[in-house]
Amino acid sequence: MLGGCGLTNPNRRHQFANLYYWVRNSAARQGVAPAAVRLAARFAFAELRLQRVEIVVDRALCIGSGDCVDTAPDVFQLDEEDKAVVVDPDGASVDDIIAAAGLSRSAP
């Protein structure tokens, strides 16, 4: 097993869900997270007919490496604790945001 990915907290009324993922350390930085996130997002939009999928930063796991900021600086920033925060969810393309969120094993 390389990791896991799924949708949680579906809200049918507002047509969105949260997306989570994790990657085994030995599989980090091999494209596992972006591939899994793309598949889950496609499923959410095509099969579940959702309008929005949210990727939530787990601040307890964020190590503040800044990979997400380097890839999508208009979307992510590091705060005073060097933890990733989303500053503009529309600041980059969906593919860029997925790539940014999947760069680091610590950016769930």
C-alpha atoms as a PDB file:
ATOM      1  CA  MET A   1       0.000   0.000   0.000  1.00  0.00           C
ATOM      2  CA  LEU A   2       1.349   3.396  -1.001  1.00  0.00           C
ATOM      3  CA  GLY A   3      -1.139   5.519   0.939  1.00  0.00           C
ATOM      4  CA  GLY A   4      -4.778   6.456   1.100  1.00  0.00           C
ATOM      5  CA  CYS A   5      -7.148   9.042  -0.307  1.00  0.00           C
ATOM      6  CA  GLY A   6     -10.852   9.744   0.031  1.00  0.00           C
ATOM      7  CA  LEU A   7     -13.692  12.184   0.460  1.00  0.00           C
ATOM      8  CA  THR A   8     -15.138  13.065   3.856  1.00  0.00           C
ATOM      9  CA  ASN A   9     -17.851  15.292   5.276  1.00  0.00           C
ATOM     10  CA  PRO A  10     -19.998  15.373   2.120  1.00  0.00           C
ATOM     11  CA  ASN A  11     -22.457  18.255   2.112  1.00  0.00           C
ATOM     12  CA  ARG A  12     -25.165  17.530  -0.453  1.00  0.00           C
ATOM     13  CA  ARG A  13     -26.990  20.787   0.188  1.00  0.00           C
ATOM     14  CA  HIS A  14     -23.960  22.883  -0.737  1.00  0.00           C
ATOM     15  CA  GLN A  15     -22.492  20.208  -3.035  1.00  0.00           C
ATOM     16  CA  PHE A  16     -18.994  19.871  -1.593  1.00  0.00           C
ATOM     17  CA  ALA A  17     -16.794  17.450   0.346  1.00  0.00           C
ATOM     18  CA  ASN A  18     -13.382  17.477   1.997  1.00  0.00           C
ATOM     19  CA  LEU A  19     -10.574  15.504   0.439  1.00  0.00           C
ATOM     20  CA  TYR A  20      -7.921  13.788   2.502  1.00  0.00           C
ATOM     21  CA  TYR A  21      -4.822  11.831   1.599  1.00  0.00           C
ATOM     22  CA  TRP A  22      -1.712  10.388   3.139  1.00  0.00           C
ATOM     23  CA  VAL A  23       1.361   8.796   1.587  1.00  0.00           C
ATOM     24  CA  ARG A  24       3.693   6.213   3.068  1.00  0.00           C
ATOM     25  CA  ASN A  25       7.133   7.755   3.667  1.00  0.00           C
ATOM     26  CA  SER A  26       8.798   5.276   1.294  1.00  0.00           C
ATOM     27  CA  ALA A  27       6.443   6.420  -1.504  1.00  0.00           C
ATOM     28  CA  ALA A  28       6.797  10.170  -0.914  1.00  0.00           C
ATOM     29  CA  ARG A  29       7.695  12.427  -3.857  1.00  0.00           C
ATOM     30  CA  GLN A  30       6.859   9.773  -6.453  1.00  0.00           C
ATOM     31  CA  GLY A  31       3.616  11.311  -7.707  1.00  0.00           C
ATOM     32  CA  VAL A  32       1.339   9.145  -5.580  1.00  0.00           C
ATOM     33  CA  ALA A  33      -0.557  11.984  -3.875  1.00  0.00           C
ATOM     34  CA  PRO A  34      -1.235  14.092  -6.988  1.00  0.00           C
ATOM     35  CA  ALA A  35      -2.430  11.021  -8.909  1.00  0.00           C
ATOM     36  CA  ALA A  36      -4.728   9.895  -6.093  1.00  0.00           C
ATOM     37  CA  VAL A  37      -6.083  13.409  -5.519  1.00  0.00           C
ATOM     38  CA  ARG A  38      -6.832  13.863  -9.234  1.00  0.00           C
ATOM     39  CA  LEU A  39      -8.767  10.567  -9.311  1.00  0.00           C
ATOM     40  CA  ALA A  40     -10.738  11.440  -6.172  1.00  0.00           C
ATOM     41  CA  ALA A  41     -11.530  14.914  -7.509  1.00  0.00           C
ATOM     42  CA  ARG A  42     -12.690  13.512 -10.863  1.00  0.00           C
ATOM     43  CA  PHE A  43     -14.923  11.041  -9.034  1.00  0.00           C
ATOM     44  CA  ALA A  44     -16.352  13.821  -6.850  1.00  0.00           C
ATOM     45  CA  PHE A  45     -17.226  16.010  -9.823  1.00  0.00           C
ATOM     46  CA  ALA A  46     -18.302  13.381 -12.366  1.00  0.00           C
ATOM     47  CA  GLU A  47     -19.979  10.717 -10.232  1.00  0.00           C
ATOM     48  CA  LEU A  48     -21.111  12.570  -7.121  1.00  0.00           C
ATOM     49  CA  ARG A  49     -21.884  15.769  -9.048  1.00  0.00           C
ATOM     50  CA  LEU A  50     -20.204  17.939  -6.415  1.00  0.00           C
ATOM     51  CA  GLN A  51     -19.395  21.553  -7.206  1.00  0.00           C
ATOM     52  CA  ARG A  52     -16.411  21.912  -4.874  1.00  0.00           C
ATOM     53  CA  VAL A  53     -13.778  19.737  -3.236  1.00  0.00           C
ATOM     54  CA  GLU A  54     -11.802  21.183  -0.339  1.00  0.00           C
ATOM     55  CA  ILE A  55      -8.282  20.113   0.557  1.00  0.00           C
ATOM     56  CA  VAL A  56      -7.779  20.960   4.205  1.00  0.00           C
ATOM     57  CA  VAL A  57      -4.277  21.485   5.595  1.00  0.00           C
ATOM     58  CA  ASP A  58      -3.740  19.359   8.701  1.00  0.00           C
ATOM     59  CA  ARG A  59      -1.670  21.820  10.688  1.00  0.00           C
ATOM     60  CA  ALA A  60      -0.664  19.131  13.177  1.00  0.00           C
ATOM     61  CA  LEU A  61       1.161  17.284  10.379  1.00  0.00           C
ATOM     62  CA  CYS A  62       2.509  20.254   8.415  1.00  0.00           C
ATOM     63  CA  ILE A  63       6.287  20.558   8.784  1.00  0.00           C
ATOM     64  CA  GLY A  64       6.485  23.944   7.080  1.00  0.00           C
ATOM     65  CA  SER A  65       8.816  22.933   4.272  1.00  0.00           C
ATOM     66  CA  GLY A  66       7.188  25.527   2.008  1.00  0.00           C
ATOM     67  CA  ASP A  67       6.828  23.225  -1.026  1.00  0.00           C
ATOM     68  CA  CYS A  68       3.174  24.181  -1.412  1.00  0.00           C
ATOM     69  CA  VAL A  69       4.084  27.883  -1.241  1.00  0.00           C
ATOM     70  CA  ASP A  70       6.773  27.470  -3.911  1.00  0.00           C
ATOM     71  CA  THR A  71       4.328  25.755  -6.279  1.00  0.00           C
ATOM     72  CA  ALA A  72       1.218  27.886  -5.661  1.00  0.00           C
ATOM     73  CA  PRO A  73       2.294  31.082  -3.876  1.00  0.00           C
ATOM     74  CA  ASP A  74      -1.012  32.846  -4.515  1.00  0.00           C
ATOM     75  CA  VAL A  75      -2.874  30.018  -2.758  1.00  0.00           C
ATOM     76  CA  PHE A  76      -0.614  28.997   0.140  1.00  0.00           C
ATOM     77  CA  GLN A  77       1.533  30.912   2.610  1.00  0.00           C
ATOM     78  CA  LEU A  78       3.400  29.950   5.746  1.00  0.00           C
ATOM     79  CA  ASP A  79       2.191  31.677   8.880  1.00  0.00           C
ATOM     80  CA  GLU A  80       4.170  32.822  11.910  1.00  0.00           C
ATOM     81  CA  GLU A  81       4.411  29.172  13.075  1.00  0.00           C
ATOM     82  CA  ASP A  82       5.762  28.070   9.646  1.00  0.00           C
ATOM     83  CA  LYS A  83       2.542  26.138   9.004  1.00  0.00           C
ATOM     84  CA  ALA A  84       0.764  26.214   5.662  1.00  0.00           C
ATOM     85  CA  VAL A  85      -2.417  28.258   5.377  1.00  0.00           C
ATOM     86  CA  VAL A  86      -4.688  28.804   2.402  1.00  0.00           C
ATOM     87  CA  VAL A  87      -4.910  32.505   1.576  1.00  0.00           C
ATOM     88  CA  ASP A  88      -6.752  32.343  -1.770  1.00  0.00           C
ATOM     89  CA  PRO A  89      -8.353  29.059  -2.865  1.00  0.00           C
ATOM     90  CA  ASP A  90      -8.877  30.500  -6.350  1.00  0.00           C
ATOM     91  CA  GLY A  91      -5.308  31.779  -6.709  1.00  0.00           C
ATOM     92  CA  ALA A  92      -4.138  29.015  -9.067  1.00  0.00           C
ATOM     93  CA  SER A  93      -5.467  26.343 -11.367  1.00  0.00           C
ATOM     94  CA  VAL A  94      -6.911  23.173  -9.857  1.00  0.00           C
ATOM     95  CA  ASP A  95      -3.972  21.163 -11.218  1.00  0.00           C
ATOM     96  CA  ASP A  96      -1.456  23.560  -9.643  1.00  0.00           C
ATOM     97  CA  ILE A  97      -3.228  23.402  -6.282  1.00  0.00           C
ATOM     98  CA  ILE A  98      -3.334  19.606  -6.399  1.00  0.00           C
ATOM     99  CA  ALA A  99       0.358  19.508  -7.278  1.00  0.00           C
ATOM    100  CA  ALA A 100       1.184  21.954  -4.479  1.00  0.00           C
ATOM    101  CA  ALA A 101      -0.808  19.980  -1.928  1.00  0.00           C
ATOM    102  CA  GLY A 102       0.830  16.740  -3.011  1.00  0.00           C
ATOM    103  CA  LEU A 103       4.475  17.806  -3.079  1.00  0.00           C
ATOM    104  CA  SER A 104       5.247  17.048   0.533  1.00  0.00           C
ATOM    105  CA  ARG A 105       4.260  13.986   2.505  1.00  0.00           C
ATOM    106  CA  SER A 106       3.485  16.413   5.333  1.00  0.00           C
ATOM    107  CA  ALA A 107       1.008  18.539   3.398  1.00  0.00           C
ATOM    108  CA  PRO A 108      -2.224  16.589   3.739  1.00  0.00           C
END
